[in-house]
Amino acid sequence: MKQPIYQVSPEQGPRVVAIGGGNGLSTLLRGLKLYTEHITAIVTVADDGGGSGALRRDLGILPPGDIRNCLEALANVEPMMSQLMHYRFTEGALTGQSFGNLFLAALNGISPSFDKAVAGMSQVLAITGQVLPVTTENVILGAEFENGSSVIGESRISYCKKKQNCRIRRVYLLPSRPKALPAVLDALENADMIVLAPGSLYTSIIPNLLVDGVADAIIRSKALKIYTCNVMTQEGETEGYTVSDHIRALFKHSYPGLFSVCLANSAPVPTGICRLYAKEGAAPLVCDTEKCEQLGVRVVQRPIAAVENNFVRHNPGHLARELMLLHAEDCLRRAMECEENGEDELLCPFPTK
């Protein structure tokens, strides 16, 4: 079957809001950048581990790592600058620390607020679109397990989950319901497509939905809303989960019907790679389509993953292309409904052929 061709210049592309954190969000952004200039990345700020956690403890700033990854993904700079931002020190007190994190920390020191520091770094890197912390409050992520035990701290959740040997019942933020950055709510209100990015379900995606106003803005939006599901389960978070389990957790922490489409991978994962993942308790995510439909979610399966250095990852270009085609399909459907209802408004500027 011949694949449809997406023929819209990035300058005329749709307004896309991508929500998440970690490598999953930055991977998505690298692909979206090829198709539209109108990108907003909304990033969690609950990380408290690694280099970001160290800067958070030492300087009292919000964790810069996930935001820096997104800025790098959308940057339009010379390769040398890109390498510089990605560089990690290997000696002394700064061992393991990223120069990009330190640069953002320095900008925070001379800026009136963390979001202004992010905007300043965005200018330096000449990024496509914008990157926004979901909130500027100093939030901490906690988790409660099905056996009634709980833990505080994003970096401790995976270890404690494996130790408790039961599923996560819920995650929560301290303080509860922190205020969203106003620009975040504005972006959601004006979006043509809202995408929950691939990534850690409980520590990268859901924390954004717990920020006051975010889930409400998504549920109100008339944009196409898509959840991009992970390819594999994740050790310490989602062992034994299916696609519908992911959807159910997202709805539980926000609203039923938060999104109506789930994009899942259909490309097979090689047997040898599956064995490697199995050693860590992870496996290819089972797509239980019927249960997803019972939750009101249409599952679209496409070959959007590939193996790189023995890791299964989403292919940025393939992932973004499929999202754009889904948006074009949605625009066409809305335009046909508009015509049938005798309305004149043009809703489909993004053709599929």
Foldseek 3Di string as FASTA:
>chain_A
DDAFDWDDAQDPAFQEEEFWFDPQRLLQLLQQLRRHLRYEYEWEQAALDFQQVVCCVPVVFTRCVRLLSNLLSFFDDDPVVSCQQQDADCDDPRHRHGNVRVQLVVLCVVDPASQVSQVVVSVVRVGRHGYGHFARDPKWKKWAFPVGDIDTHLVCQLVVCVVVVGATPAMAIVVFQAATDVVLLVSLQRGQEYEHTEDQLHRIRLVSQRHHPNLVSLQPHPHAYEYEYDFKADRSHGQPAAPLNSVVRNCVSHNQCSHAEYEYEDDDDDPVLQVVVVVRRMHTHHHPQVSCVVSNHHYDYYHQWDADPSDIDGNNNSVSVVVLLVSQVVQVVVQVVCVVVVHDDRRHPTHRD
